[in-house]
Amino acid sequence: MVRITVTIMLAFAAAALGQITPNVAGSRNVGNGNGDQFITGGCVNNADCGSGCCANASGVGVCSAEAAAFQNGKNGCDFVDPNAQATIAAAQAQVEKQGF
């Protein structure tokens, strides 16, 4: 019983400390508003995401399934990035770096 409790506590601690970051493989879809971004890719608003859900992950937009919009520290859909232009510029720089 003690092992189960410790395991559960460690799992919650890991989830609380883990920060979600967008998958940079989808950088070309950030800010285009075409709904082409995949789940876990970056976004500046819901229009970027194929799922229609740009979730707030500690001030960073991450496309998410609606059912998972409050998991792993995300704060729900409808995130609108207040620094959208800087986020889009960083994504474009990542695309240049990746070459695709």
N, C-alpha and C. Protein backbone atom coordinates (compact mmCIF):
# COMPACT_ATOMS: atom_id res chain seq x y z
N MET A 1 0.82 -1.20 0.00
CA MET A 1 0.00 0.00 0.00
C MET A 1 0.85 1.26 0.00
N VAL A 2 1.93 1.23 0.78
CA VAL A 2 2.81 2.39 0.84
C VAL A 2 3.47 2.63 -0.51
N ARG A 3 3.85 1.57 -1.19
CA ARG A 3 4.49 1.71 -2.50
C ARG A 3 3.55 2.37 -3.50
N ILE A 4 2.29 1.98 -3.46
CA ILE A 4 1.32 2.57 -4.37
C ILE A 4 1.17 4.05 -4.08
N THR A 5 1.09 4.43 -2.84
CA THR A 5 0.95 5.84 -2.47
C THR A 5 2.16 6.65 -2.92
N VAL A 6 3.35 6.12 -2.70
CA VAL A 6 4.57 6.82 -3.13
C VAL A 6 4.60 6.94 -4.64
N THR A 7 4.24 5.90 -5.34
CA THR A 7 4.21 5.93 -6.80
C THR A 7 3.23 6.97 -7.31
N ILE A 8 2.07 7.02 -6.73
CA ILE A 8 1.06 8.01 -7.14
C ILE A 8 1.56 9.42 -6.85
N MET A 9 2.17 9.63 -5.71
CA MET A 9 2.69 10.96 -5.37
C MET A 9 3.78 11.38 -6.34
N LEU A 10 4.66 10.45 -6.72
CA LEU A 10 5.71 10.76 -7.68
C LEU A 10 5.14 11.09 -9.05
N ALA A 11 4.10 10.38 -9.43
CA ALA A 11 3.46 10.66 -10.72
C ALA A 11 2.85 12.05 -10.74
N PHE A 12 2.17 12.44 -9.66
CA PHE A 12 1.60 13.78 -9.58
C PHE A 12 2.69 14.85 -9.56
N ALA A 13 3.77 14.59 -8.86
CA ALA A 13 4.87 15.56 -8.81
C ALA A 13 5.49 15.73 -10.18
N ALA A 14 5.68 14.64 -10.90
CA ALA A 14 6.26 14.71 -12.25
C ALA A 14 5.35 15.49 -13.18
N ALA A 15 4.04 15.28 -13.07
CA ALA A 15 3.08 16.00 -13.91
C ALA A 15 3.08 17.48 -13.58
N ALA A 16 3.18 17.81 -12.31
CA ALA A 16 3.17 19.21 -11.89
C ALA A 16 4.43 19.93 -12.34
N LEU A 17 5.55 19.25 -12.33
CA LEU A 17 6.81 19.88 -12.69
C LEU A 17 7.06 19.88 -14.19
N GLY A 18 6.44 18.95 -14.89
CA GLY A 18 6.64 18.86 -16.34
C GLY A 18 5.98 20.02 -17.05
N GLN A 19 6.72 20.65 -17.92
CA GLN A 19 6.17 21.77 -18.67
C GLN A 19 6.00 21.35 -20.12
N ILE A 20 4.86 21.61 -20.65
CA ILE A 20 4.56 21.27 -22.04
C ILE A 20 5.24 22.30 -22.94
N THR A 21 5.90 21.82 -23.96
CA THR A 21 6.47 22.70 -24.97
C THR A 21 6.00 22.23 -26.33
N PRO A 22 5.74 23.14 -27.25
CA PRO A 22 5.26 22.76 -28.57
C PRO A 22 6.30 21.95 -29.33
N ASN A 23 5.83 21.01 -30.12
CA ASN A 23 6.68 20.22 -31.00
C ASN A 23 7.10 21.13 -32.16
N VAL A 24 8.40 21.34 -32.32
CA VAL A 24 8.89 22.28 -33.34
C VAL A 24 8.77 21.74 -34.76
N ALA A 25 8.45 20.45 -34.91
CA ALA A 25 8.30 19.89 -36.25
C ALA A 25 7.16 20.58 -37.02
N GLY A 26 6.22 21.17 -36.30
CA GLY A 26 5.11 21.85 -36.96
C GLY A 26 5.26 23.35 -37.02
N SER A 27 6.47 23.84 -36.93
CA SER A 27 6.70 25.29 -36.89
C SER A 27 6.12 26.04 -38.08
N ARG A 28 6.09 25.40 -39.24
CA ARG A 28 5.56 26.09 -40.44
C ARG A 28 4.06 26.37 -40.32
N ASN A 29 3.37 25.70 -39.40
CA ASN A 29 1.93 25.89 -39.24
C ASN A 29 1.56 26.92 -38.18
N VAL A 30 2.55 27.46 -37.47
CA VAL A 30 2.27 28.42 -36.41
C VAL A 30 1.88 29.77 -37.02
N GLY A 31 0.70 30.23 -36.69
CA GLY A 31 0.26 31.55 -37.12
C GLY A 31 -0.34 31.62 -38.50
N ASN A 32 -0.49 30.50 -39.21
CA ASN A 32 -1.04 30.59 -40.56
C ASN A 32 -2.56 30.58 -40.57
N GLY A 33 -3.19 30.15 -39.48
CA GLY A 33 -4.65 30.19 -39.37
C GLY A 33 -5.39 29.24 -40.28
N ASN A 34 -4.68 28.25 -40.85
CA ASN A 34 -5.30 27.31 -41.79
C ASN A 34 -5.81 26.04 -41.13
N GLY A 35 -5.63 25.89 -39.84
CA GLY A 35 -6.07 24.68 -39.16
C GLY A 35 -5.24 23.46 -39.53
N ASP A 36 -3.99 23.69 -39.94
CA ASP A 36 -3.12 22.60 -40.37
C ASP A 36 -2.26 22.02 -39.25
N GLN A 37 -2.21 22.69 -38.11
CA GLN A 37 -1.31 22.25 -37.04
C GLN A 37 -1.82 20.99 -36.36
N PHE A 38 -0.91 20.07 -36.08
CA PHE A 38 -1.24 18.82 -35.41
C PHE A 38 -1.24 19.01 -33.89
N ILE A 39 -1.83 18.07 -33.19
CA ILE A 39 -1.84 18.09 -31.73
C ILE A 39 -0.39 18.00 -31.25
N THR A 40 -0.04 18.82 -30.31
CA THR A 40 1.28 19.04 -29.69
C THR A 40 2.10 20.09 -30.43
N GLY A 41 1.63 20.56 -31.58
CA GLY A 41 2.33 21.61 -32.30
C GLY A 41 1.98 22.97 -31.72
N GLY A 42 2.80 23.97 -31.98
CA GLY A 42 2.57 25.32 -31.48
C GLY A 42 1.44 26.02 -32.20
N CYS A 43 0.87 27.02 -31.52
CA CYS A 43 -0.23 27.79 -32.10
C CYS A 43 -0.28 29.17 -31.45
N VAL A 44 -0.90 30.11 -32.16
CA VAL A 44 -1.14 31.43 -31.58
C VAL A 44 -2.62 31.64 -31.28
N ASN A 45 -3.48 30.78 -31.85
CA ASN A 45 -4.91 30.79 -31.54
C ASN A 45 -5.55 29.52 -32.11
N ASN A 46 -6.82 29.34 -31.83
CA ASN A 46 -7.53 28.12 -32.25
C ASN A 46 -7.48 27.88 -33.76
N ALA A 47 -7.41 28.94 -34.57
CA ALA A 47 -7.44 28.80 -36.03
C ALA A 47 -6.24 28.04 -36.57
N ASP A 48 -5.14 27.98 -35.82
CA ASP A 48 -3.96 27.25 -36.28
C ASP A 48 -4.14 25.73 -36.19
N CYS A 49 -4.98 25.28 -35.27
CA CYS A 49 -5.05 23.87 -34.91
C CYS A 49 -6.09 23.08 -35.69
N GLY A 50 -5.70 21.91 -36.16
CA GLY A 50 -6.64 21.01 -36.80
C GLY A 50 -7.74 20.59 -35.84
N SER A 51 -7.42 20.54 -34.57
CA SER A 51 -8.40 20.16 -33.54
C SER A 51 -9.29 21.34 -33.14
N GLY A 52 -8.92 22.55 -33.57
CA GLY A 52 -9.68 23.74 -33.19
C GLY A 52 -9.45 24.17 -31.76
N CYS A 53 -8.39 23.65 -31.12
CA CYS A 53 -8.12 23.96 -29.71
C CYS A 53 -6.66 24.33 -29.52
N CYS A 54 -6.41 25.62 -29.31
CA CYS A 54 -5.08 26.10 -28.94
C CYS A 54 -5.12 26.25 -27.42
N ALA A 55 -4.44 25.35 -26.73
CA ALA A 55 -4.48 25.34 -25.27
C ALA A 55 -3.34 26.18 -24.69
N ASN A 56 -3.61 26.83 -23.59
CA ASN A 56 -2.62 27.62 -22.87
C ASN A 56 -1.79 26.69 -22.00
N ALA A 57 -0.51 26.57 -22.34
CA ALA A 57 0.41 25.75 -21.56
C ALA A 57 1.45 26.67 -20.95
N SER A 58 1.08 27.30 -19.83
CA SER A 58 1.97 28.25 -19.13
C SER A 58 2.38 29.41 -20.03
N GLY A 59 1.42 29.97 -20.74
CA GLY A 59 1.67 31.14 -21.57
C GLY A 59 2.15 30.83 -22.98
N VAL A 60 2.15 29.56 -23.34
CA VAL A 60 2.56 29.13 -24.68
C VAL A 60 1.40 28.35 -25.29
N GLY A 61 1.09 28.60 -26.55
CA GLY A 61 0.01 27.89 -27.21
C GLY A 61 0.45 26.54 -27.74
N VAL A 62 -0.33 25.51 -27.42
CA VAL A 62 -0.07 24.15 -27.89
C VAL A 62 -1.39 23.56 -28.37
N CYS A 63 -1.43 23.10 -29.62
CA CYS A 63 -2.65 22.47 -30.12
C CYS A 63 -2.92 21.21 -29.31
N SER A 64 -4.19 21.06 -28.96
CA SER A 64 -4.59 19.97 -28.08
C SER A 64 -5.95 19.45 -28.51
N ALA A 65 -6.21 18.21 -28.15
CA ALA A 65 -7.57 17.71 -28.28
C ALA A 65 -8.38 18.38 -27.18
N GLU A 66 -9.64 18.69 -27.45
CA GLU A 66 -10.47 19.32 -26.42
C GLU A 66 -10.52 18.50 -25.15
N ALA A 67 -10.58 17.19 -25.29
CA ALA A 67 -10.67 16.31 -24.13
C ALA A 67 -9.40 16.36 -23.28
N ALA A 68 -8.28 16.80 -23.85
CA ALA A 68 -7.02 16.85 -23.12
C ALA A 68 -6.57 18.28 -22.83
N ALA A 69 -7.46 19.24 -23.02
CA ALA A 69 -7.10 20.65 -22.89
C ALA A 69 -6.74 21.09 -21.47
N PHE A 70 -7.08 20.28 -20.49
CA PHE A 70 -6.75 20.62 -19.11
C PHE A 70 -5.78 19.61 -18.50
N GLN A 71 -5.16 18.79 -19.33
CA GLN A 71 -4.22 17.81 -18.83
C GLN A 71 -2.79 18.33 -18.90
N ASN A 72 -1.96 17.79 -18.03
CA ASN A 72 -0.52 18.10 -18.03
C ASN A 72 -0.22 19.59 -17.90
N GLY A 73 -1.01 20.27 -17.11
CA GLY A 73 -0.74 21.68 -16.84
C GLY A 73 -1.33 22.65 -17.85
N LYS A 74 -2.04 22.16 -18.85
CA LYS A 74 -2.68 23.06 -19.81
C LYS A 74 -3.92 23.67 -19.18
N ASN A 75 -4.26 24.87 -19.61
CA ASN A 75 -5.37 25.62 -19.02
C ASN A 75 -6.54 25.82 -19.96
N GLY A 76 -6.80 24.86 -20.82
CA GLY A 76 -7.97 24.91 -21.68
C GLY A 76 -7.74 25.54 -23.03
N CYS A 77 -8.73 25.37 -23.89
CA CYS A 77 -8.69 25.90 -25.26
C CYS A 77 -8.89 27.41 -25.28
N ASP A 78 -8.88 27.96 -26.46
CA ASP A 78 -9.15 29.37 -26.73
C ASP A 78 -8.00 30.30 -26.33
N PHE A 79 -6.79 29.77 -26.25
CA PHE A 79 -5.62 30.61 -25.97
C PHE A 79 -5.37 31.53 -27.15
N VAL A 80 -5.13 32.78 -26.87
CA VAL A 80 -4.72 33.76 -27.88
C VAL A 80 -3.39 34.32 -27.40
N ASP A 81 -2.35 34.07 -28.16
CA ASP A 81 -1.00 34.47 -27.76
C ASP A 81 -0.87 35.99 -27.79
N PRO A 82 -0.58 36.61 -26.64
CA PRO A 82 -0.41 38.06 -26.61
C PRO A 82 0.87 38.50 -27.31
N ASN A 83 1.78 37.57 -27.53
CA ASN A 83 3.05 37.85 -28.22
C ASN A 83 3.08 37.12 -29.57
N ALA A 84 1.95 37.11 -30.25
CA ALA A 84 1.81 36.33 -31.48
C ALA A 84 2.88 36.64 -32.51
N GLN A 85 3.19 37.91 -32.74
CA GLN A 85 4.17 38.25 -33.76
C GLN A 85 5.54 37.69 -33.43
N ALA A 86 5.94 37.75 -32.17
CA ALA A 86 7.23 37.19 -31.76
C ALA A 86 7.21 35.66 -31.87
N THR A 87 6.10 35.05 -31.53
CA THR A 87 5.97 33.60 -31.62
C THR A 87 6.05 33.15 -33.08
N ILE A 88 5.37 33.87 -33.96
CA ILE A 88 5.40 33.55 -35.39
C ILE A 88 6.81 33.74 -35.95
N ALA A 89 7.48 34.81 -35.55
CA ALA A 89 8.85 35.05 -36.01
C ALA A 89 9.79 33.94 -35.55
N ALA A 90 9.63 33.50 -34.31
CA ALA A 90 10.47 32.40 -33.79
C ALA A 90 10.18 31.10 -34.54
N ALA A 91 8.91 30.87 -34.86
CA ALA A 91 8.55 29.67 -35.61
C ALA A 91 9.13 29.72 -37.03
N GLN A 92 9.09 30.88 -37.66
CA GLN A 92 9.66 31.02 -39.00
C GLN A 92 11.17 30.82 -38.98
N ALA A 93 11.81 31.29 -37.92
CA ALA A 93 13.26 31.07 -37.77
C ALA A 93 13.55 29.58 -37.61
N GLN A 94 12.68 28.88 -36.90
CA GLN A 94 12.84 27.43 -36.73
C GLN A 94 12.67 26.71 -38.06
N VAL A 95 11.74 27.16 -38.87
CA VAL A 95 11.54 26.57 -40.20
C VAL A 95 12.80 26.74 -41.04
N GLU A 96 13.38 27.94 -40.99
CA GLU A 96 14.63 28.19 -41.73
C GLU A 96 15.73 27.26 -41.25
N LYS A 97 15.81 27.08 -39.95
CA LYS A 97 16.84 26.21 -39.36
C LYS A 97 16.62 24.76 -39.78
N GLN A 98 15.35 24.32 -39.79
CA GLN A 98 15.04 22.95 -40.16
C GLN A 98 15.17 22.71 -41.66
N GLY A 99 14.88 23.73 -42.43
CA GLY A 99 14.91 23.59 -43.88
C GLY A 99 13.65 23.00 -44.47
N PHE A 100 12.58 22.91 -43.65
CA PHE A 100 11.29 22.41 -44.18
C PHE A 100 10.14 23.05 -43.44
